[in-house]
Amino acid sequence: MVKYLGSKRLLLPHILDAVASFGEVRTVLDLFSGTARVGHALKGAGYHVVANDHNAYAGTLARAYVQADARRWRSEATALVAELDALPGRAGWFTETYCVRSRFFQPHNGARVDAVRDAIAAMRLPAELEAIVLVALMEAADRVDSTTGVQMAYLKQWAPRSHRPLRLRLPMILEGAGEATEEDVFAVAGRPADLAYLDPPYNQHRYNANYHIWETLVRWDRPEVYGVACKRVDCRTRHSPFNGRRTALDAMRRLLASVQAPRLVVSFSDEGFLARPDLEALLAARGPVRVLAHDYKRYVGAQIGIFNPRGEKVGAVGRLRNTEFLYLVG
């Protein structure tokens, strides 16, 4: 899966244990699905998962990893991924924007992205099959990018992996049913489920800005862009109340009032806007609260510092570890 700020890869065993600790849980509502890593793991553990995220790239990841049934799509997707992987590069808007105007990918790989994405657009595939091959392309591009893991800036010197040729491979799709939605979180929070998993944005870092290239790759809308990172212009206007220090607490209060699932697992970091006592007080209104704390290594950009495209360091290295809390409610 793609590199992602706030990824729960290392916490997956603890999240699965937390869900299992409630006993009778069959359906899980994942309200901020992101890369769908958690939803994918829950589906693999036998739960029926509804994964939601308002970003198009996240909805695509969830359609591939949660909704698509490998029994239906594996054979066809395998052949299609191989066909797309054999296409020669053809430089276009993506190459010009993200390899020339900015330096997220080397031009030879940008040309491959252009060719493969144009081919997918022309095929008019069923939604789940399209999601699978789009994820194959997204992950292939992620393996040859030149960033620290976010798309706010690129490295001054080409990352060693960026020299490798872009190669597509079939995502790890699973057998079984699931559902992916791409709606505002407040619109889907009331859907029936045995348990809701909440992993909201912790602080000011906005995922639509951090991963704007994936949003464009999925939408393929050639948006107006701005700045040295060539971010989508809609990054200036699309904001979440969870990303505001003054609005995060009220947003969480509203969300918890909307969630109808009787059990909750809430993931939150000590880097977040909501302090542990405040969050515990909100959650306690829904029932008993258990808190599990896990020491966690911060993402690579926090460890080496952040540099702008001119190679100038912007900000000092802070602490290298944080604490990830899992709140079990109900």
Protein backbone atom coordinates (compact mmCIF):
# COMPACT_ATOMS: atom_id res chain seq x y z
CA MET A 1 0.00 0.00 0.00
CA VAL A 2 1.07 3.61 -0.47
CA LYS A 3 3.23 5.50 2.02
CA TYR A 4 0.92 7.50 4.26
CA LEU A 5 1.22 9.95 7.11
CA GLY A 6 -0.64 8.43 10.06
CA SER A 7 -0.61 4.92 8.60
CA LYS A 8 -1.75 2.29 11.08
CA ARG A 9 0.41 -0.49 9.63
CA LEU A 10 2.25 -1.15 12.91
CA LEU A 11 -0.91 -0.77 14.98
CA LEU A 12 -2.98 -3.27 12.98
CA PRO A 13 -2.54 -6.18 15.44
CA HIS A 14 -3.64 -3.95 18.32
CA ILE A 15 -6.64 -2.62 16.37
CA LEU A 16 -7.73 -6.14 15.46
CA ASP A 17 -7.35 -7.24 19.07
CA ALA A 18 -9.38 -4.22 20.21
CA VAL A 19 -12.25 -5.03 17.87
CA ALA A 20 -12.15 -8.71 18.80
CA SER A 21 -12.26 -7.84 22.51
CA PHE A 22 -15.88 -6.72 22.16
CA GLY A 23 -17.03 -10.21 21.22
CA GLU A 24 -20.15 -10.07 19.06
CA VAL A 25 -19.01 -7.81 16.22
CA ARG A 26 -19.80 -8.65 12.63
CA THR A 27 -20.07 -5.29 10.88
CA VAL A 28 -17.57 -2.43 11.18
CA LEU A 29 -18.00 1.13 9.93
CA ASP A 30 -14.61 2.69 9.12
CA LEU A 31 -15.37 6.39 8.90
CA PHE A 32 -11.95 7.79 7.87
CA SER A 33 -10.60 4.96 5.74
CA GLY A 34 -7.53 6.66 4.20
CA THR A 35 -5.42 3.98 2.54
CA ALA A 36 -8.00 1.33 3.57
CA ARG A 37 -5.22 -0.49 5.42
CA VAL A 38 -7.41 -0.97 8.51
CA GLY A 39 -10.50 -1.85 6.49
CA HIS A 40 -8.48 -4.37 4.49
CA ALA A 41 -7.21 -6.01 7.68
CA LEU A 42 -10.69 -6.11 9.20
CA LYS A 43 -12.10 -7.66 6.04
CA GLY A 44 -9.29 -10.22 6.11
CA ALA A 45 -10.26 -11.04 9.71
CA GLY A 46 -13.79 -11.87 8.60
CA TYR A 47 -15.70 -8.67 9.38
CA HIS A 48 -18.09 -6.99 6.97
CA VAL A 49 -16.58 -3.52 6.51
CA VAL A 50 -18.08 -0.29 5.25
CA ALA A 51 -15.15 2.04 4.50
CA ASN A 52 -15.75 5.76 3.97
CA ASP A 53 -13.53 8.69 3.04
CA HIS A 54 -14.37 11.93 1.24
CA ASN A 55 -11.18 11.98 -0.86
CA ALA A 56 -11.45 10.34 -4.27
CA TYR A 57 -8.13 8.50 -4.01
CA ALA A 58 -9.16 7.04 -0.63
CA GLY A 59 -12.51 5.96 -2.04
CA THR A 60 -10.67 4.19 -4.85
CA LEU A 61 -8.37 2.42 -2.41
CA ALA A 62 -11.39 1.27 -0.40
CA ARG A 63 -13.22 0.02 -3.50
CA ALA A 64 -10.22 -2.14 -4.33
CA TYR A 65 -9.26 -3.31 -0.84
CA VAL A 66 -12.64 -3.49 0.92
CA GLN A 67 -15.44 -3.64 -1.64
CA ALA A 68 -14.00 -5.67 -4.52
CA ASP A 69 -14.36 -9.45 -4.21
CA ALA A 70 -11.24 -11.23 -5.43
CA ARG A 71 -13.32 -14.23 -6.49
CA ARG A 72 -15.03 -12.01 -9.05
CA TRP A 73 -12.11 -9.87 -10.22
CA ARG A 74 -8.76 -11.61 -9.64
CA SER A 75 -8.43 -13.33 -13.01
CA GLU A 76 -9.61 -10.37 -15.10
CA ALA A 77 -7.61 -7.86 -13.05
CA THR A 78 -4.42 -9.93 -13.30
CA ALA A 79 -4.62 -9.96 -17.09
CA LEU A 80 -5.47 -6.27 -17.28
CA VAL A 81 -2.63 -5.23 -14.97
CA ALA A 82 -0.19 -7.18 -17.15
CA GLU A 83 -1.59 -5.52 -20.29
CA LEU A 84 -1.26 -2.05 -18.80
CA ASP A 85 2.23 -2.77 -17.47
CA ALA A 86 3.40 -3.52 -21.03
CA LEU A 87 2.40 -0.09 -22.38
CA PRO A 88 5.25 2.20 -23.48
CA GLY A 89 5.45 5.64 -21.95
CA ARG A 90 3.84 8.66 -23.56
CA ALA A 91 4.54 11.96 -21.84
CA GLY A 92 1.56 14.24 -21.23
CA TRP A 93 0.07 16.56 -18.62
CA PHE A 94 1.14 14.41 -15.66
CA THR A 95 4.76 14.32 -16.82
CA GLU A 96 4.87 18.04 -17.48
CA THR A 97 3.29 18.87 -14.10
CA TYR A 98 4.93 16.39 -11.71
CA CYS A 99 8.23 15.64 -13.45
CA VAL A 100 9.16 18.95 -15.14
CA ARG A 101 7.39 21.78 -13.31
CA SER A 102 7.98 19.82 -10.10
CA ARG A 103 10.19 16.78 -9.43
CA PHE A 104 8.09 14.14 -7.72
CA PHE A 105 8.87 11.49 -10.36
CA GLN A 106 11.49 11.05 -13.02
CA PRO A 107 10.18 11.84 -16.52
CA HIS A 108 10.50 8.27 -17.79
CA ASN A 109 8.13 7.14 -15.04
CA GLY A 110 5.82 10.12 -15.48
CA ALA A 111 5.42 9.14 -19.13
CA ARG A 112 4.41 5.65 -18.06
CA VAL A 113 1.81 7.09 -15.67
CA ASP A 114 0.40 9.24 -18.49
CA ALA A 115 0.13 6.28 -20.85
CA VAL A 116 -1.39 3.85 -18.37
CA ARG A 117 -3.86 6.35 -16.91
CA ASP A 118 -5.04 7.44 -20.36
CA ALA A 119 -5.56 3.80 -21.27
CA ILE A 120 -7.62 3.15 -18.12
CA ALA A 121 -9.78 6.20 -18.84
CA ALA A 122 -10.49 4.98 -22.35
CA MET A 123 -11.57 1.50 -21.22
CA ARG A 124 -14.66 2.59 -19.24
CA LEU A 125 -14.26 -0.30 -16.82
CA PRO A 126 -16.70 -1.45 -14.10
CA ALA A 127 -16.12 0.58 -10.94
CA GLU A 128 -14.46 -2.17 -8.90
CA LEU A 129 -12.18 -3.34 -11.70
CA GLU A 130 -11.22 0.25 -12.45
CA ALA A 131 -10.41 0.78 -8.78
CA ILE A 132 -8.13 -2.26 -8.75
CA VAL A 133 -6.06 -1.14 -11.73
CA LEU A 134 -5.97 2.47 -10.49
CA VAL A 135 -4.61 1.23 -7.19
CA ALA A 136 -2.05 -0.85 -9.08
CA LEU A 137 -0.93 2.34 -10.86
CA MET A 138 -0.98 4.46 -7.70
CA GLU A 139 1.13 1.94 -5.80
CA ALA A 140 3.52 1.55 -8.72
CA ALA A 141 4.05 5.33 -8.78
CA ASP A 142 4.48 5.40 -5.01
CA ARG A 143 7.32 2.88 -5.27
CA VAL A 144 9.33 5.21 -7.56
CA ASP A 145 8.54 8.65 -6.12
CA SER A 146 11.08 11.10 -4.72
CA THR A 147 9.51 12.30 -1.46
CA THR A 148 9.71 11.63 2.28
CA GLY A 149 6.20 10.19 2.13
CA VAL A 150 4.06 13.29 1.66
CA GLN A 151 3.48 15.36 -1.47
CA MET A 152 3.89 18.80 0.08
CA ALA A 153 7.44 18.83 -1.31
CA TYR A 154 9.95 16.62 -3.10
CA LEU A 155 13.56 15.77 -2.34
CA LYS A 156 16.39 18.04 -3.47
CA GLN A 157 18.25 15.05 -4.95
CA TRP A 158 16.50 12.17 -6.68
CA ALA A 159 15.65 9.34 -4.31
CA PRO A 160 17.42 6.10 -5.32
CA ARG A 161 14.07 4.37 -5.87
CA SER A 162 13.02 7.02 -8.41
CA HIS A 163 15.55 5.65 -10.94
CA ARG A 164 13.77 2.30 -11.07
CA PRO A 165 11.23 1.74 -13.85
CA LEU A 166 7.58 1.92 -12.89
CA ARG A 167 6.08 -1.57 -12.76
CA LEU A 168 2.47 -2.50 -12.04
CA ARG A 169 1.44 -5.46 -9.95
CA LEU A 170 -1.90 -6.74 -8.74
CA PRO A 171 -2.97 -5.27 -5.39
CA MET A 172 -3.61 -7.69 -2.51
CA ILE A 173 -7.36 -7.86 -3.02
CA LEU A 174 -9.36 -10.15 -0.75
CA GLU A 175 -12.24 -12.55 -1.20
CA GLY A 176 -15.57 -11.55 0.27
CA ALA A 177 -17.98 -8.65 0.37
CA GLY A 178 -17.54 -5.11 1.64
CA GLU A 179 -18.60 -1.60 0.79
CA ALA A 180 -16.81 1.65 -0.01
CA THR A 181 -18.41 5.08 0.19
CA GLU A 182 -17.01 8.49 -0.65
CA GLU A 183 -19.14 10.85 1.41
CA ASP A 184 -18.83 13.47 4.10
CA VAL A 185 -18.26 11.69 7.40
CA PHE A 186 -21.29 13.28 9.06
CA ALA A 187 -23.51 11.93 6.30
CA VAL A 188 -22.57 8.28 6.89
CA ALA A 189 -21.85 8.23 10.63
CA GLY A 190 -25.36 7.06 11.45
CA ARG A 191 -25.24 3.95 9.29
CA PRO A 192 -26.00 0.78 11.23
CA ALA A 193 -23.00 -1.26 12.36
CA ASP A 194 -21.91 -3.28 15.37
CA LEU A 195 -18.80 -1.13 15.79
CA ALA A 196 -17.43 2.11 14.38
CA TYR A 197 -13.72 2.69 13.93
CA LEU A 198 -12.74 6.37 14.04
CA ASP A 199 -9.34 7.60 12.93
CA PRO A 200 -9.96 11.32 12.29
CA PRO A 201 -7.29 13.84 11.28
CA TYR A 202 -5.33 14.74 14.40
CA ASN A 203 -4.07 18.21 13.61
CA GLN A 204 -3.51 20.76 10.84
CA HIS A 205 -2.09 18.29 8.31
CA ARG A 206 -4.68 17.88 5.54
CA TYR A 207 -4.66 14.65 3.60
CA ASN A 208 -6.05 16.19 0.43
CA ALA A 209 -2.98 18.48 0.33
CA ASN A 210 -0.50 15.86 1.52
CA TYR A 211 -1.63 13.46 -1.22
CA HIS A 212 -2.86 15.80 -3.94
CA ILE A 213 -1.11 13.82 -6.69
CA TRP A 214 -3.09 10.68 -5.86
CA GLU A 215 -6.29 12.75 -5.95
CA THR A 216 -5.38 13.99 -9.41
CA LEU A 217 -4.27 10.55 -10.59
CA VAL A 218 -7.67 9.12 -9.68
CA ARG A 219 -9.79 12.05 -10.89
CA TRP A 220 -7.62 12.57 -14.00
CA ASP A 221 -9.07 16.03 -14.33
CA ARG A 222 -5.89 18.02 -15.09
CA PRO A 223 -6.72 20.64 -12.47
CA GLU A 224 -5.33 24.11 -12.13
CA VAL A 225 -2.30 23.86 -9.82
CA TYR A 226 -0.26 26.28 -7.77
CA GLY A 227 3.07 26.57 -5.95
CA VAL A 228 6.31 24.67 -6.33
CA ALA A 229 4.56 21.41 -5.38
CA CYS A 230 1.90 21.94 -8.07
CA LYS A 231 -0.93 21.29 -5.63
CA ARG A 232 -4.51 21.20 -6.85
CA VAL A 233 -6.11 24.62 -6.53
CA ASP A 234 -9.02 23.05 -4.62
CA CYS A 235 -6.58 22.32 -1.78
CA ARG A 236 -7.07 25.99 -0.90
CA THR A 237 -10.81 25.58 -0.36
CA ARG A 238 -11.37 22.01 0.83
CA HIS A 239 -10.99 22.01 4.61
CA SER A 240 -12.10 19.67 7.38
CA PRO A 241 -13.17 20.93 10.81
CA PHE A 242 -10.96 18.22 12.29
CA ASN A 243 -7.93 20.11 10.93
CA GLY A 244 -8.64 23.24 12.96
CA ARG A 245 -7.49 23.73 16.53
CA ARG A 246 -10.61 25.79 17.30
CA THR A 247 -13.05 23.48 15.50
CA ALA A 248 -11.72 19.96 16.21
CA LEU A 249 -13.43 19.50 19.57
CA ASP A 250 -16.85 20.52 18.29
CA ALA A 251 -16.38 18.37 15.19
CA MET A 252 -15.65 15.33 17.34
CA ARG A 253 -18.62 16.12 19.56
CA ARG A 254 -20.91 16.32 16.51
CA LEU A 255 -19.52 13.11 15.08
CA LEU A 256 -19.97 11.13 18.27
CA ALA A 257 -23.55 12.38 18.49
CA SER A 258 -24.14 11.06 14.96
CA VAL A 259 -22.59 7.61 15.31
CA GLN A 260 -25.22 4.97 16.02
CA ALA A 261 -22.92 1.97 16.43
CA PRO A 262 -22.97 0.83 20.09
CA ARG A 263 -19.22 0.15 20.23
CA LEU A 264 -16.33 2.38 19.22
CA VAL A 265 -12.62 2.07 18.64
CA VAL A 266 -11.07 5.53 18.32
CA SER A 267 -7.48 6.03 17.21
CA PHE A 268 -5.82 9.30 18.22
CA SER A 269 -2.31 10.62 18.71
CA ASP A 270 -0.76 12.70 21.46
CA GLU A 271 0.25 15.07 18.64
CA GLY A 272 -3.41 15.86 18.08
CA PHE A 273 -5.46 18.93 18.90
CA LEU A 274 -7.60 16.98 21.38
CA ALA A 275 -5.94 16.21 24.71
CA ARG A 276 -6.54 12.80 26.24
CA PRO A 277 -8.72 14.12 29.15
CA ASP A 278 -10.98 16.01 26.73
CA LEU A 279 -11.39 13.04 24.43
CA GLU A 280 -12.02 10.64 27.30
CA ALA A 281 -14.71 12.97 28.67
CA LEU A 282 -16.49 13.02 25.31
CA LEU A 283 -16.30 9.25 24.92
CA ALA A 284 -17.38 8.48 28.48
CA ALA A 285 -20.84 9.82 27.66
CA ARG A 286 -21.29 6.75 25.44
CA GLY A 287 -20.17 4.15 27.97
CA PRO A 288 -17.12 2.70 29.72
CA VAL A 289 -13.80 3.71 28.19
CA ARG A 290 -10.64 1.65 28.03
CA VAL A 291 -7.43 3.28 26.81
CA LEU A 292 -4.49 1.46 25.24
CA ALA A 293 -1.28 3.44 24.67
CA HIS A 294 1.38 2.49 22.13
CA ASP A 295 4.77 4.09 21.59
CA TYR A 296 5.14 4.89 17.91
CA LYS A 297 7.94 6.06 15.62
CA ARG A 298 7.07 9.28 13.79
CA TYR A 299 7.11 9.38 10.00
CA VAL A 300 10.42 9.80 8.20
CA GLY A 301 9.94 13.50 7.42
CA ALA A 302 9.74 14.25 11.13
CA GLN A 303 12.99 12.37 11.70
CA ILE A 304 15.15 14.06 9.05
CA GLY A 305 13.42 17.44 8.97
CA ILE A 306 11.52 18.98 6.08
CA PHE A 307 13.25 20.57 3.10
CA ASN A 308 11.68 22.70 0.39
CA PRO A 309 12.41 22.09 -3.33
CA ARG A 310 15.36 24.51 -3.16
CA GLY A 311 17.00 22.31 -0.55
CA GLU A 312 16.38 24.73 2.29
CA LYS A 313 15.43 23.22 5.63
CA VAL A 314 12.07 24.46 6.84
CA GLY A 315 11.58 23.72 10.52
CA ALA A 316 13.68 21.87 13.05
CA VAL A 317 13.56 18.17 13.88
CA GLY A 318 11.24 17.70 16.83
CA ARG A 319 10.63 14.60 18.91
CA LEU A 320 11.17 11.31 17.14
CA ARG A 321 8.40 9.27 18.78
CA ASN A 322 4.83 9.83 19.85
CA THR A 323 2.07 7.90 21.59
CA GLU A 324 -0.86 6.45 19.70
CA PHE A 325 -3.94 5.86 21.81
CA LEU A 326 -6.72 3.40 21.13
CA TYR A 327 -9.91 4.27 22.99
CA LEU A 328 -12.34 1.35 23.35
CA VAL A 329 -15.85 2.49 24.15
CA GLY A 330 -18.98 0.53 24.97
